[in-house]
Protein backbone atom coordinates (compact mmCIF):
# COMPACT_ATOMS: atom_id res chain seq x y z
CA UNK A 1 0.00 0.00 0.00
CA UNK A 2 1.32 3.43 -0.89
CA UNK A 3 1.71 6.14 1.73
CA UNK A 4 -1.04 8.72 1.90
CA UNK A 5 -0.38 11.78 -0.21
CA UNK A 6 0.53 14.86 1.71
CA UNK A 7 -2.09 17.54 1.49
CA UNK A 8 -0.98 21.12 1.61
CA UNK A 9 -3.47 23.54 3.07
CA UNK A 10 -2.17 26.50 1.06
CA UNK A 11 -5.36 26.64 -1.01
CA UNK A 12 -8.79 27.05 0.51
CA UNK A 13 -10.25 23.80 1.63
CA UNK A 14 -13.21 21.92 0.23
CA UNK A 15 -15.15 20.04 2.86
CA UNK A 16 -16.19 16.61 1.65
CA UNK A 17 -18.53 13.95 2.95
CA UNK A 18 -17.57 10.70 1.25
CA UNK A 19 -20.06 7.84 1.56
CA UNK A 20 -20.44 4.17 0.74
CA UNK A 21 -23.17 2.05 2.29
CA UNK A 22 -23.08 2.84 6.00
CA UNK A 23 -19.58 4.32 5.87
CA UNK A 24 -19.02 8.06 5.97
CA UNK A 25 -15.66 9.81 5.91
CA UNK A 26 -15.30 13.57 6.30
CA UNK A 27 -12.29 15.27 4.74
CA UNK A 28 -11.12 18.76 4.04
CA UNK A 29 -8.88 19.00 0.99
CA UNK A 30 -7.80 21.71 -1.44
CA UNK A 31 -9.90 22.11 -4.59
CA UNK A 32 -6.62 21.73 -6.50
CA UNK A 33 -6.31 18.10 -5.36
CA UNK A 34 -6.31 15.50 -8.14
CA UNK A 35 -8.93 12.77 -8.09
CA UNK A 36 -6.13 10.18 -7.88
CA UNK A 37 -4.75 11.79 -4.73
CA UNK A 38 -8.21 11.82 -3.16
CA UNK A 39 -8.52 8.09 -3.96
CA UNK A 40 -5.14 7.44 -2.36
CA UNK A 41 -6.02 9.48 0.70
CA UNK A 42 -9.35 7.68 1.20
CA UNK A 43 -7.79 4.28 0.51
CA UNK A 44 -5.10 4.94 3.10
CA UNK A 45 -7.71 5.80 5.75
CA UNK A 46 -9.90 2.76 4.97
CA UNK A 47 -6.99 0.41 4.19
CA UNK A 48 -8.12 -0.23 0.61
CA UNK A 49 -6.36 -0.45 -2.72
CA UNK A 50 -6.86 2.99 -4.31
CA UNK A 51 -7.02 1.40 -7.76
CA UNK A 52 -10.35 -0.19 -6.81
CA UNK A 53 -12.05 3.10 -5.82
CA UNK A 54 -14.43 5.01 -8.09
CA UNK A 55 -16.04 8.28 -7.03
CA UNK A 56 -19.34 9.72 -8.17
CA UNK A 57 -20.75 13.13 -7.42
CA UNK A 58 -24.33 14.11 -8.16
CA UNK A 59 -24.68 11.28 -10.66
CA UNK A 60 -21.41 12.05 -12.46
CA UNK A 61 -18.53 9.57 -12.40
CA UNK A 62 -15.21 11.22 -11.58
CA UNK A 63 -13.48 9.13 -14.21
CA UNK A 64 -10.25 11.04 -14.81
CA UNK A 65 -7.63 10.55 -12.12
CA UNK A 66 -5.61 13.48 -13.45
CA UNK A 67 -8.41 16.05 -13.18
CA UNK A 68 -8.58 18.43 -10.25
CA UNK A 69 -11.61 18.42 -7.98
CA UNK A 70 -12.50 21.93 -9.14
CA UNK A 71 -12.70 20.63 -12.73
CA UNK A 72 -15.66 18.55 -11.55
CA UNK A 73 -17.28 21.57 -9.90
CA UNK A 74 -16.08 20.69 -6.41
CA UNK A 75 -14.98 24.09 -5.17
CA UNK A 76 -14.77 25.97 -1.90
CA UNK A 77 -18.05 27.68 -2.80
CA UNK A 78 -19.81 24.33 -3.17
CA UNK A 79 -18.09 22.45 -0.33
CA UNK A 80 -18.36 24.48 2.86
CA UNK A 81 -17.99 23.30 6.47
CA UNK A 82 -21.72 23.87 7.10
CA UNK A 83 -22.67 21.96 3.95
CA UNK A 84 -19.99 19.49 2.86
CA UNK A 85 -20.01 18.31 -0.75
CA UNK A 86 -21.19 14.71 -0.90
CA UNK A 87 -19.24 12.18 -2.91
CA UNK A 88 -20.10 8.52 -3.14
CA UNK A 89 -17.61 5.76 -3.79
CA UNK A 90 -17.87 2.19 -4.95
CA UNK A 91 -15.28 -0.53 -5.27
CA UNK A 92 -14.31 -2.50 -8.33
CA UNK A 93 -15.24 -6.17 -8.15
CA UNK A 94 -13.05 -9.09 -9.20
CA UNK A 95 -14.77 -9.31 -12.61
CA UNK A 96 -13.85 -5.68 -13.38
CA UNK A 97 -17.33 -4.25 -12.84
CA UNK A 98 -18.17 -1.91 -9.99
CA UNK A 99 -20.50 -2.64 -7.13
CA UNK A 100 -23.91 -0.99 -7.15
CA UNK A 101 -23.95 2.35 -5.41
CA UNK A 102 -25.98 2.10 -2.23
CA UNK A 103 -26.04 4.79 0.42
CA UNK A 104 -27.80 3.90 3.65
CA UNK A 105 -29.67 6.96 4.94
CA UNK A 106 -28.87 8.30 8.36
CA UNK A 107 -31.39 7.71 11.09
CA UNK A 108 -32.27 10.55 13.38
CA UNK A 109 -32.53 10.14 17.13
CA UNK A 110 -36.26 10.86 17.00
CA UNK A 111 -36.88 8.18 14.35
CA UNK A 112 -34.78 5.72 16.36
CA UNK A 113 -36.89 6.44 19.42
CA UNK A 114 -40.14 6.00 17.52
CA UNK A 115 -38.82 2.69 16.16
CA UNK A 116 -38.02 1.59 19.72
CA UNK A 117 -41.46 2.67 20.89
CA UNK A 118 -43.11 0.75 18.07
CA UNK A 119 -41.10 -2.35 18.93
CA UNK A 120 -42.00 -2.00 22.60
CA UNK A 121 -45.66 -1.54 21.69
CA UNK A 122 -45.57 -4.59 19.47
CA UNK A 123 -43.99 -6.63 22.25
CA UNK A 124 -46.69 -5.46 24.69
CA UNK A 125 -49.49 -6.14 22.20
CA UNK A 126 -48.32 -9.68 21.52
CA UNK A 127 -48.69 -10.73 25.17
C-alpha atoms as a PDB file:
ATOM      1  CA  UNK A   1       0.000   0.000   0.000  1.00  0.00           C
ATOM      2  CA  UNK A   2       1.324   3.426  -0.888  1.00  0.00           C
ATOM      3  CA  UNK A   3       1.707   6.135   1.731  1.00  0.00           C
ATOM      4  CA  UNK A   4      -1.043   8.723   1.903  1.00  0.00           C
ATOM      5  CA  UNK A   5      -0.382  11.780  -0.209  1.00  0.00           C
ATOM      6  CA  UNK A   6       0.530  14.857   1.713  1.00  0.00           C
ATOM      7  CA  UNK A   7      -2.092  17.535   1.490  1.00  0.00           C
ATOM      8  CA  UNK A   8      -0.981  21.120   1.611  1.00  0.00           C
ATOM      9  CA  UNK A   9      -3.466  23.541   3.067  1.00  0.00           C
ATOM     10  CA  UNK A  10      -2.169  26.497   1.057  1.00  0.00           C
ATOM     11  CA  UNK A  11      -5.359  26.640  -1.011  1.00  0.00           C
ATOM     12  CA  UNK A  12      -8.788  27.054   0.506  1.00  0.00           C
ATOM     13  CA  UNK A  13     -10.250  23.796   1.633  1.00  0.00           C
ATOM     14  CA  UNK A  14     -13.207  21.923   0.230  1.00  0.00           C
ATOM     15  CA  UNK A  15     -15.150  20.040   2.859  1.00  0.00           C
ATOM     16  CA  UNK A  16     -16.192  16.608   1.650  1.00  0.00           C
ATOM     17  CA  UNK A  17     -18.534  13.955   2.954  1.00  0.00           C
ATOM     18  CA  UNK A  18     -17.566  10.700   1.250  1.00  0.00           C
ATOM     19  CA  UNK A  19     -20.063   7.841   1.556  1.00  0.00           C
ATOM     20  CA  UNK A  20     -20.440   4.172   0.738  1.00  0.00           C
ATOM     21  CA  UNK A  21     -23.171   2.047   2.286  1.00  0.00           C
ATOM     22  CA  UNK A  22     -23.084   2.842   6.002  1.00  0.00           C
ATOM     23  CA  UNK A  23     -19.576   4.320   5.866  1.00  0.00           C
ATOM     24  CA  UNK A  24     -19.024   8.063   5.971  1.00  0.00           C
ATOM     25  CA  UNK A  25     -15.662   9.814   5.914  1.00  0.00           C
ATOM     26  CA  UNK A  26     -15.300  13.566   6.298  1.00  0.00           C
ATOM     27  CA  UNK A  27     -12.289  15.275   4.745  1.00  0.00           C
ATOM     28  CA  UNK A  28     -11.117  18.757   4.040  1.00  0.00           C
ATOM     29  CA  UNK A  29      -8.885  19.001   0.994  1.00  0.00           C
ATOM     30  CA  UNK A  30      -7.803  21.707  -1.445  1.00  0.00           C
ATOM     31  CA  UNK A  31      -9.901  22.112  -4.591  1.00  0.00           C
ATOM     32  CA  UNK A  32      -6.621  21.729  -6.498  1.00  0.00           C
ATOM     33  CA  UNK A  33      -6.311  18.105  -5.364  1.00  0.00           C
ATOM     34  CA  UNK A  34      -6.307  15.504  -8.140  1.00  0.00           C
ATOM     35  CA  UNK A  35      -8.933  12.765  -8.089  1.00  0.00           C
ATOM     36  CA  UNK A  36      -6.131  10.178  -7.882  1.00  0.00           C
ATOM     37  CA  UNK A  37      -4.753  11.792  -4.734  1.00  0.00           C
ATOM     38  CA  UNK A  38      -8.210  11.816  -3.160  1.00  0.00           C
ATOM     39  CA  UNK A  39      -8.520   8.090  -3.965  1.00  0.00           C
ATOM     40  CA  UNK A  40      -5.143   7.439  -2.356  1.00  0.00           C
ATOM     41  CA  UNK A  41      -6.022   9.482   0.702  1.00  0.00           C
ATOM     42  CA  UNK A  42      -9.354   7.677   1.204  1.00  0.00           C
ATOM     43  CA  UNK A  43      -7.786   4.282   0.508  1.00  0.00           C
ATOM     44  CA  UNK A  44      -5.095   4.943   3.099  1.00  0.00           C
ATOM     45  CA  UNK A  45      -7.715   5.803   5.748  1.00  0.00           C
ATOM     46  CA  UNK A  46      -9.896   2.763   4.968  1.00  0.00           C
ATOM     47  CA  UNK A  47      -6.989   0.409   4.189  1.00  0.00           C
ATOM     48  CA  UNK A  48      -8.121  -0.228   0.615  1.00  0.00           C
ATOM     49  CA  UNK A  49      -6.360  -0.449  -2.723  1.00  0.00           C
ATOM     50  CA  UNK A  50      -6.857   2.991  -4.306  1.00  0.00           C
ATOM     51  CA  UNK A  51      -7.021   1.404  -7.764  1.00  0.00           C
ATOM     52  CA  UNK A  52     -10.354  -0.194  -6.812  1.00  0.00           C
ATOM     53  CA  UNK A  53     -12.048   3.098  -5.816  1.00  0.00           C
ATOM     54  CA  UNK A  54     -14.432   5.006  -8.093  1.00  0.00           C
ATOM     55  CA  UNK A  55     -16.042   8.278  -7.033  1.00  0.00           C
ATOM     56  CA  UNK A  56     -19.337   9.718  -8.168  1.00  0.00           C
ATOM     57  CA  UNK A  57     -20.752  13.130  -7.422  1.00  0.00           C
ATOM     58  CA  UNK A  58     -24.333  14.114  -8.163  1.00  0.00           C
ATOM     59  CA  UNK A  59     -24.678  11.285 -10.664  1.00  0.00           C
ATOM     60  CA  UNK A  60     -21.410  12.053 -12.463  1.00  0.00           C
ATOM     61  CA  UNK A  61     -18.527   9.567 -12.401  1.00  0.00           C
ATOM     62  CA  UNK A  62     -15.207  11.218 -11.579  1.00  0.00           C
ATOM     63  CA  UNK A  63     -13.476   9.127 -14.208  1.00  0.00           C
ATOM     64  CA  UNK A  64     -10.253  11.038 -14.810  1.00  0.00           C
ATOM     65  CA  UNK A  65      -7.634  10.552 -12.119  1.00  0.00           C
ATOM     66  CA  UNK A  66      -5.615  13.482 -13.451  1.00  0.00           C
ATOM     67  CA  UNK A  67      -8.414  16.055 -13.182  1.00  0.00           C
ATOM     68  CA  UNK A  68      -8.576  18.431 -10.248  1.00  0.00           C
ATOM     69  CA  UNK A  69     -11.615  18.418  -7.982  1.00  0.00           C
ATOM     70  CA  UNK A  70     -12.503  21.925  -9.138  1.00  0.00           C
ATOM     71  CA  UNK A  71     -12.697  20.633 -12.729  1.00  0.00           C
ATOM     72  CA  UNK A  72     -15.661  18.546 -11.551  1.00  0.00           C
ATOM     73  CA  UNK A  73     -17.275  21.572  -9.905  1.00  0.00           C
ATOM     74  CA  UNK A  74     -16.084  20.694  -6.410  1.00  0.00           C
ATOM     75  CA  UNK A  75     -14.981  24.089  -5.169  1.00  0.00           C
ATOM     76  CA  UNK A  76     -14.766  25.968  -1.901  1.00  0.00           C
ATOM     77  CA  UNK A  77     -18.047  27.681  -2.804  1.00  0.00           C
ATOM     78  CA  UNK A  78     -19.811  24.329  -3.175  1.00  0.00           C
ATOM     79  CA  UNK A  79     -18.086  22.453  -0.331  1.00  0.00           C
ATOM     80  CA  UNK A  80     -18.364  24.476   2.861  1.00  0.00           C
ATOM     81  CA  UNK A  81     -17.988  23.303   6.473  1.00  0.00           C
ATOM     82  CA  UNK A  82     -21.716  23.875   7.095  1.00  0.00           C
ATOM     83  CA  UNK A  83     -22.673  21.964   3.952  1.00  0.00           C
ATOM     84  CA  UNK A  84     -19.993  19.495   2.856  1.00  0.00           C
ATOM     85  CA  UNK A  85     -20.009  18.312  -0.749  1.00  0.00           C
ATOM     86  CA  UNK A  86     -21.187  14.707  -0.904  1.00  0.00           C
ATOM     87  CA  UNK A  87     -19.236  12.177  -2.912  1.00  0.00           C
ATOM     88  CA  UNK A  88     -20.096   8.521  -3.141  1.00  0.00           C
ATOM     89  CA  UNK A  89     -17.612   5.763  -3.792  1.00  0.00           C
ATOM     90  CA  UNK A  90     -17.874   2.192  -4.952  1.00  0.00           C
ATOM     91  CA  UNK A  91     -15.283  -0.525  -5.273  1.00  0.00           C
ATOM     92  CA  UNK A  92     -14.310  -2.498  -8.330  1.00  0.00           C
ATOM     93  CA  UNK A  93     -15.244  -6.174  -8.154  1.00  0.00           C
ATOM     94  CA  UNK A  94     -13.048  -9.092  -9.204  1.00  0.00           C
ATOM     95  CA  UNK A  95     -14.771  -9.309 -12.611  1.00  0.00           C
ATOM     96  CA  UNK A  96     -13.847  -5.679 -13.380  1.00  0.00           C
ATOM     97  CA  UNK A  97     -17.329  -4.253 -12.844  1.00  0.00           C
ATOM     98  CA  UNK A  98     -18.168  -1.914  -9.994  1.00  0.00           C
ATOM     99  CA  UNK A  99     -20.497  -2.644  -7.127  1.00  0.00           C
ATOM    100  CA  UNK A 100     -23.906  -0.994  -7.151  1.00  0.00           C
ATOM    101  CA  UNK A 101     -23.955   2.351  -5.413  1.00  0.00           C
ATOM    102  CA  UNK A 102     -25.982   2.105  -2.234  1.00  0.00           C
ATOM    103  CA  UNK A 103     -26.039   4.789   0.421  1.00  0.00           C
ATOM    104  CA  UNK A 104     -27.803   3.895   3.652  1.00  0.00           C
ATOM    105  CA  UNK A 105     -29.667   6.965   4.939  1.00  0.00           C
ATOM    106  CA  UNK A 106     -28.866   8.305   8.363  1.00  0.00           C
ATOM    107  CA  UNK A 107     -31.393   7.714  11.091  1.00  0.00           C
ATOM    108  CA  UNK A 108     -32.267  10.552  13.375  1.00  0.00           C
ATOM    109  CA  UNK A 109     -32.526  10.140  17.127  1.00  0.00           C
ATOM    110  CA  UNK A 110     -36.261  10.856  16.997  1.00  0.00           C
ATOM    111  CA  UNK A 111     -36.880   8.185  14.352  1.00  0.00           C
ATOM    112  CA  UNK A 112     -34.778   5.716  16.365  1.00  0.00           C
ATOM    113  CA  UNK A 113     -36.886   6.440  19.422  1.00  0.00           C
ATOM    114  CA  UNK A 114     -40.143   5.997  17.522  1.00  0.00           C
ATOM    115  CA  UNK A 115     -38.817   2.693  16.161  1.00  0.00           C
ATOM    116  CA  UNK A 116     -38.018   1.593  19.716  1.00  0.00           C
ATOM    117  CA  UNK A 117     -41.463   2.665  20.895  1.00  0.00           C
ATOM    118  CA  UNK A 118     -43.113   0.746  18.073  1.00  0.00           C
ATOM    119  CA  UNK A 119     -41.095  -2.347  18.925  1.00  0.00           C
ATOM    120  CA  UNK A 120     -42.000  -2.003  22.603  1.00  0.00           C
ATOM    121  CA  UNK A 121     -45.656  -1.542  21.685  1.00  0.00           C
ATOM    122  CA  UNK A 122     -45.566  -4.594  19.465  1.00  0.00           C
ATOM    123  CA  UNK A 123     -43.986  -6.631  22.255  1.00  0.00           C
ATOM    124  CA  UNK A 124     -46.686  -5.464  24.685  1.00  0.00           C
ATOM    125  CA  UNK A 125     -49.488  -6.142  22.203  1.00  0.00           C
ATOM    126  CA  UNK A 126     -48.316  -9.676  21.519  1.00  0.00           C
ATOM    127  CA  UNK A 127     -48.692 -10.728  25.166  1.00  0.00           C
END
